[in-house]
């Protein structure tokens, strides 16, 4: 059955994959986004430029939608540390408002980093131990959504989402691949720590497949758990000329975050189509293609972009329609 799907934050990295798959599945797609990272929206879907804190602007689009895929957030620890008040407004309070003002289907991405670090693989029953503001706001959003939404706790994403949207080179597999291809070297801090990884399009597939279902609750999405030094070796196999420089681990690079996705495989039908090697090849080919004028540009990293282009006072004011 065709659904009217509002993709809030649909101009971003995950949104690029989600909107393509929604359209391929025949759904009626509308995107609501402030275009923080992009200069324009280039896809053929209905598009509304707006701030999720502008409730008057957002409300009629929620009323239109059978389902909402809520991707809007200030993402990553560094970005939230730069703008802590904004992080709470966007990642926590906006979700609370959504739950209070929308009765339809909600699909929401959270972060597996909220489990903290530890031995073994985390299942969905493991306690959440957020260590940073970003992680705390995601956990707060999950609480608002309890009993109302399909929440997917994401491993570190990788790969190319689509042919037009902004890639992210602040995600470890993508960063390693970009650095190896452009600089002939990649740097590993420590390297003995494990992380879970999942391709952005496999995440998008789960979201799109469940637009019309009633599945709710948290589900881990992870394709592979890999030691960082072994990830670097995989990148090197695809870019043999690159060297791997190993540096002592800093505090943020210690401890394991491994995920178990058994529940998602059994209950959501999660069947990943892309391996880490697939994603490495995609990013390598993207960097080599010349589509991106400057792959080292800060715009491909959330924290670096916000450091290079501080947000305006009008953006930071609650309830304004963003125009950047």
Protein backbone atom coordinates (compact mmCIF):
# COMPACT_ATOMS: atom_id res chain seq x y z
CA UNK A 1 0.00 0.00 0.00
CA UNK A 2 1.30 3.46 -0.93
CA UNK A 3 2.03 5.61 2.10
CA UNK A 4 2.51 9.34 2.43
CA UNK A 5 5.90 9.55 4.12
CA UNK A 6 7.42 12.68 5.58
CA UNK A 7 11.20 12.40 5.87
CA UNK A 8 12.27 14.98 8.43
CA UNK A 9 15.94 15.70 7.90
CA UNK A 10 15.67 13.95 4.55
CA UNK A 11 18.42 15.96 2.84
CA UNK A 12 21.13 14.35 4.97
CA UNK A 13 23.31 11.26 4.70
CA UNK A 14 20.74 8.66 5.73
CA UNK A 15 18.00 10.68 4.06
CA UNK A 16 19.67 10.36 0.69
CA UNK A 17 19.28 6.59 0.81
CA UNK A 18 15.85 6.64 2.46
CA UNK A 19 14.24 8.93 -0.12
CA UNK A 20 15.56 6.87 -3.03
CA UNK A 21 14.23 3.63 -1.57
CA UNK A 22 10.88 5.17 -0.66
CA UNK A 23 10.43 6.40 -4.23
CA UNK A 24 11.46 3.02 -5.64
CA UNK A 25 8.82 1.40 -3.41
CA UNK A 26 6.12 3.70 -4.79
CA UNK A 27 5.51 5.82 -1.71
CA UNK A 28 4.57 9.50 -1.83
CA UNK A 29 7.63 11.28 -0.41
CA UNK A 30 7.93 14.71 1.15
CA UNK A 31 11.16 16.05 2.66
CA UNK A 32 11.34 18.63 5.46
CA UNK A 33 14.86 19.93 6.09
CA UNK A 34 16.67 23.13 7.05
CA UNK A 35 19.55 22.46 4.60
CA UNK A 36 22.26 23.02 7.16
CA UNK A 37 24.73 20.88 5.22
CA UNK A 38 23.51 21.45 1.65
CA UNK A 39 23.09 24.57 -0.47
CA UNK A 40 19.97 23.21 -2.20
CA UNK A 41 17.78 20.15 -2.45
CA UNK A 42 18.38 18.46 -5.79
CA UNK A 43 16.01 15.48 -5.78
CA UNK A 44 12.60 15.43 -7.48
CA UNK A 45 10.61 14.94 -4.27
CA UNK A 46 8.30 17.51 -2.71
CA UNK A 47 10.50 19.63 -0.46
CA UNK A 48 9.88 22.07 2.39
CA UNK A 49 12.70 24.09 3.87
CA UNK A 50 12.13 24.55 7.58
CA UNK A 51 13.30 24.19 11.15
CA UNK A 52 11.87 21.38 13.28
CA UNK A 53 11.46 23.92 16.11
CA UNK A 54 9.08 25.93 13.92
CA UNK A 55 5.99 24.01 14.99
CA UNK A 56 3.55 26.11 13.00
CA UNK A 57 5.45 25.37 9.80
CA UNK A 58 5.98 21.67 10.52
CA UNK A 59 2.50 20.77 11.80
CA UNK A 60 0.59 20.71 8.47
CA UNK A 61 3.16 18.39 6.95
CA UNK A 62 2.82 16.01 9.88
CA UNK A 63 -0.95 16.13 9.39
CA UNK A 64 -0.41 15.08 5.75
CA UNK A 65 1.81 12.11 6.58
CA UNK A 66 0.84 8.50 7.25
CA UNK A 67 4.36 7.92 8.54
CA UNK A 68 7.32 10.02 9.62
CA UNK A 69 10.95 8.98 9.35
CA UNK A 70 12.55 11.41 11.79
CA UNK A 71 16.21 11.85 10.83
CA UNK A 72 16.64 15.44 11.98
CA UNK A 73 19.27 15.82 14.70
CA UNK A 74 22.54 17.46 15.60
CA UNK A 75 24.69 14.37 15.07
CA UNK A 76 28.03 13.38 16.64
CA UNK A 77 29.67 14.09 19.96
CA UNK A 78 31.81 16.97 18.71
CA UNK A 79 28.95 18.79 17.01
CA UNK A 80 26.78 18.60 20.13
CA UNK A 81 29.64 19.77 22.33
CA UNK A 82 29.95 22.88 20.18
CA UNK A 83 26.24 23.75 20.55
CA UNK A 84 24.91 22.01 23.68
CA UNK A 85 21.70 24.05 24.00
CA UNK A 86 20.84 23.46 20.34
CA UNK A 87 21.60 19.74 20.73
CA UNK A 88 19.00 19.46 23.50
CA UNK A 89 16.44 21.45 21.49
CA UNK A 90 16.83 19.40 18.31
CA UNK A 91 17.62 15.93 19.62
CA UNK A 92 15.45 15.82 22.74
CA UNK A 93 12.75 18.49 22.99
CA UNK A 94 11.75 18.38 19.31
CA UNK A 95 11.12 14.64 19.64
CA UNK A 96 9.02 15.19 22.75
CA UNK A 97 6.92 17.69 20.79
CA UNK A 98 6.57 15.20 17.92
CA UNK A 99 5.21 12.50 20.21
CA UNK A 100 2.71 14.94 21.74
CA UNK A 101 1.48 16.25 18.38
CA UNK A 102 1.57 13.35 15.93
CA UNK A 103 -0.34 10.07 16.12
CA UNK A 104 0.97 8.30 13.02
CA UNK A 105 3.83 5.89 12.41
CA UNK A 106 7.28 7.05 13.61
CA UNK A 107 10.65 5.58 12.66
CA UNK A 108 13.66 6.97 14.49
CA UNK A 109 17.44 6.37 14.44
CA UNK A 110 19.31 6.24 17.74
CA UNK A 111 22.93 5.39 18.45
CA UNK A 112 24.54 2.20 19.70
CA UNK A 113 27.18 4.35 21.41
CA UNK A 114 24.60 4.88 24.15
CA UNK A 115 25.53 1.41 25.46
CA UNK A 116 28.96 2.71 26.39
CA UNK A 117 31.96 0.40 26.02
CA UNK A 118 32.33 -3.11 27.36
CA UNK A 119 33.25 -6.72 26.73
CA UNK A 120 31.11 -8.89 24.49
CA UNK A 121 28.28 -7.89 22.19
CA UNK A 122 25.51 -5.59 23.36
CA UNK A 123 21.95 -6.78 22.84
CA UNK A 124 18.95 -4.48 23.07
CA UNK A 125 18.46 -5.57 26.69
CA UNK A 126 21.82 -4.16 27.77
CA UNK A 127 21.62 -1.05 29.97
CA UNK A 128 22.15 2.28 28.28
CA UNK A 129 25.12 4.19 29.67
CA UNK A 130 25.45 7.40 27.68
CA UNK A 131 28.75 9.21 28.19
CA UNK A 132 28.34 12.36 26.10
CA UNK A 133 25.68 14.99 25.49
CA UNK A 134 24.92 13.56 22.04
CA UNK A 135 24.36 10.12 23.50
CA UNK A 136 22.29 11.54 26.38
CA UNK A 137 19.97 13.39 24.00
CA UNK A 138 19.44 10.26 21.93
CA UNK A 139 18.57 8.26 25.03
CA UNK A 140 16.16 11.00 26.10
CA UNK A 141 14.51 10.85 22.67
CA UNK A 142 14.14 7.09 22.98
CA UNK A 143 12.31 7.58 26.27
CA UNK A 144 9.85 9.95 24.63
CA UNK A 145 9.25 7.38 21.89
CA UNK A 146 8.72 4.35 24.14
CA UNK A 147 5.70 2.43 22.90
CA UNK A 148 5.27 4.73 19.91
CA UNK A 149 8.10 4.18 17.44
CA UNK A 150 10.42 1.80 15.69
CA UNK A 151 13.82 2.83 17.06
CA UNK A 152 16.96 1.54 15.35
CA UNK A 153 20.19 1.80 17.32
CA UNK A 154 22.80 2.27 14.67
CA UNK A 155 26.32 0.95 14.50
CA UNK A 156 28.87 3.25 12.87
CA UNK A 157 27.61 3.89 9.35
CA UNK A 158 29.66 3.66 6.18
CA UNK A 159 29.38 3.67 2.41
CA UNK A 160 27.78 5.93 -0.19
CA UNK A 161 24.11 6.69 0.32
CA UNK A 162 23.18 7.85 -3.19
CA UNK A 163 24.50 9.76 -6.19
CA UNK A 164 23.74 13.32 -5.06
CA UNK A 165 23.70 13.76 -1.29
CA UNK A 166 26.57 14.92 0.88
CA UNK A 167 28.84 12.03 1.87
CA UNK A 168 30.30 11.89 5.36
CA UNK A 169 34.03 11.53 5.83
CA UNK A 170 33.85 11.76 9.63
CA UNK A 171 32.75 8.10 9.82
CA UNK A 172 35.73 5.82 10.38
CA UNK A 173 35.48 3.48 7.35
CA UNK A 174 34.79 6.41 5.01
CA UNK A 175 37.53 8.54 6.58
CA UNK A 176 40.10 5.74 6.32
CA UNK A 177 39.20 5.15 2.68
CA UNK A 178 39.23 8.84 1.72
CA UNK A 179 42.57 9.39 3.48
CA UNK A 180 44.13 6.31 1.92
CA UNK A 181 43.01 7.36 -1.57
CA UNK A 182 43.91 11.05 -1.34
CA UNK A 183 46.90 11.09 1.04
CA UNK A 184 48.32 7.63 0.51
CA UNK A 185 48.08 7.00 4.26
CA UNK A 186 45.55 6.52 7.03
CA UNK A 187 46.06 7.01 10.75
CA UNK A 188 44.89 4.56 13.40
CA UNK A 189 44.73 5.51 17.07
CA UNK A 190 45.32 2.36 19.07
CA UNK A 191 43.56 -0.03 16.74
CA UNK A 192 42.74 -2.86 19.12
CA UNK A 193 39.25 -1.56 19.88
CA UNK A 194 36.21 -3.12 18.20
CA UNK A 195 33.38 -1.18 16.64
CA UNK A 196 30.17 -2.28 14.95
CA UNK A 197 29.48 -1.13 11.39
CA UNK A 198 26.45 -0.97 9.10
CA UNK A 199 26.02 0.34 5.55
CA UNK A 200 23.84 3.42 5.25
CA UNK A 201 21.64 1.81 2.61
CA UNK A 202 21.02 -1.27 4.76
CA UNK A 203 19.76 1.07 7.49
CA UNK A 204 17.57 2.89 5.00
CA UNK A 205 16.15 -0.43 3.74
CA UNK A 206 14.96 -1.38 7.22
CA UNK A 207 13.30 2.00 7.68
CA UNK A 208 11.52 1.84 4.33
CA UNK A 209 10.48 -1.79 4.75
CA UNK A 210 8.74 -0.92 8.02
CA UNK A 211 6.93 2.26 7.03
CA UNK A 212 3.73 0.27 6.87
CA UNK A 213 4.26 -2.21 9.72
CA UNK A 214 3.45 -1.91 13.41
CA UNK A 215 6.86 -2.97 14.73
CA UNK A 216 8.02 -0.82 17.64
CA UNK A 217 10.81 -0.84 20.17
CA UNK A 218 14.60 -0.70 19.91
CA UNK A 219 16.57 -2.81 17.45
CA UNK A 220 20.32 -2.90 16.91
CA UNK A 221 21.44 -2.62 13.28
CA UNK A 222 24.95 -3.93 12.73
CA UNK A 223 26.42 -5.87 9.83
CA UNK A 224 29.95 -6.52 11.10
CA UNK A 225 31.95 -6.04 14.30
CA UNK A 226 35.53 -5.33 13.34
CA UNK A 227 38.73 -4.38 15.12
CA UNK A 228 39.88 -0.95 13.91
CA UNK A 229 43.35 -2.15 12.92
CA UNK A 230 41.72 -4.90 10.85
CA UNK A 231 39.43 -2.34 9.22
CA UNK A 232 42.54 -0.38 8.23
CA UNK A 233 44.03 -3.53 6.73
CA UNK A 234 40.87 -4.06 4.66
CA UNK A 235 41.11 -0.52 3.32
CA UNK A 236 44.75 -1.17 2.47
CA UNK A 237 43.80 -4.26 0.48
CA UNK A 238 41.59 -2.08 -1.73
CA UNK A 239 44.20 0.72 -1.93
CA UNK A 240 47.49 -1.21 -1.78
CA UNK A 241 49.71 1.87 -2.14
CA UNK A 242 48.41 3.37 1.10
CA UNK A 243 50.29 2.91 4.36
CA UNK A 244 48.81 2.53 7.83
CA UNK A 245 50.25 4.78 10.55
CA UNK A 246 49.48 3.53 14.06
CA UNK A 247 49.50 6.04 16.92
CA UNK A 248 48.92 5.48 20.64
CA UNK A 249 45.25 5.31 21.54
CA UNK A 250 43.60 8.40 22.96
CA UNK A 251 40.83 8.14 25.51
CA UNK A 252 38.04 8.23 22.92
CA UNK A 253 39.55 5.31 21.01
CA UNK A 254 39.66 2.76 23.83
CA UNK A 255 37.08 0.13 24.72
CA UNK A 256 34.85 -2.03 22.54
CA UNK A 257 31.40 -1.33 21.14
CA UNK A 258 30.20 -4.57 19.58
CA UNK A 259 26.59 -5.15 18.67
CA UNK A 260 24.32 -8.15 18.37
CA UNK A 261 21.62 -7.82 15.71
CA UNK A 262 19.84 -11.14 16.21
CA UNK A 263 16.55 -9.48 17.16
CA UNK A 264 16.56 -7.27 14.07
CA UNK A 265 17.31 -10.22 11.81
CA UNK A 266 14.52 -12.35 13.29
CA UNK A 267 11.83 -9.73 13.85
CA UNK A 268 12.55 -7.02 11.26
CA UNK A 269 13.91 -9.25 8.51
CA UNK A 270 17.20 -7.33 8.60
CA UNK A 271 19.35 -8.86 5.86
CA UNK A 272 22.37 -6.66 5.14
CA UNK A 273 23.28 -6.42 1.47
CA UNK A 274 26.55 -4.52 1.80
CA UNK A 275 29.80 -5.54 3.50
CA UNK A 276 32.56 -3.26 4.73
CA UNK A 277 34.47 -4.16 1.57
CA UNK A 278 31.53 -2.97 -0.56
CA UNK A 279 31.49 0.35 1.27
CA UNK A 280 35.25 0.79 0.99
CA UNK A 281 35.03 0.25 -2.77
CA UNK A 282 32.14 2.71 -3.06
CA UNK A 283 33.99 5.47 -1.21
CA UNK A 284 37.23 4.76 -3.07
CA UNK A 285 35.41 5.05 -6.39
CA UNK A 286 33.55 8.19 -5.30
CA UNK A 287 36.80 9.91 -4.30
CA UNK A 288 38.41 8.83 -7.58
CA UNK A 289 35.46 9.93 -9.72
CA UNK A 290 36.00 13.67 -9.38
CA UNK A 291 32.35 14.30 -8.44
CA UNK A 292 33.50 16.05 -5.28
CA UNK A 293 35.58 19.14 -5.95
CA UNK A 294 37.43 18.96 -2.64
CA UNK A 295 37.12 15.74 -0.67
CA UNK A 296 38.98 17.34 2.24
CA UNK A 297 36.37 20.08 2.56
CA UNK A 298 35.03 20.59 6.09
CA UNK A 299 31.48 20.23 4.75
CA UNK A 300 31.87 16.44 4.77
CA UNK A 301 32.46 16.35 8.54
CA UNK A 302 29.78 17.55 10.96
CA UNK A 303 32.12 18.91 13.63
CA UNK A 304 34.66 20.35 11.19
CA UNK A 305 31.93 22.13 9.24
CA UNK A 306 30.46 23.72 12.37
CA UNK A 307 33.92 24.83 13.46
CA UNK A 308 34.59 26.37 10.06
CA UNK A 309 31.14 27.95 9.69
CA UNK A 310 29.66 28.84 13.09
CA UNK A 311 25.89 28.94 13.22
CA UNK A 312 24.19 32.31 13.03
CA UNK A 313 22.23 33.81 15.91
CA UNK A 314 19.03 33.49 13.88
CA UNK A 315 19.66 29.75 13.50
CA UNK A 316 20.24 29.36 17.22
CA UNK A 317 16.99 31.07 18.19
CA UNK A 318 14.23 28.60 19.00
CA UNK A 319 11.20 28.60 16.76
CA UNK A 320 12.65 30.39 13.75
CA UNK A 321 12.53 29.03 10.25
CA UNK A 322 16.13 28.37 9.30
CA UNK A 323 17.58 30.11 6.28
CA UNK A 324 21.26 29.28 5.85
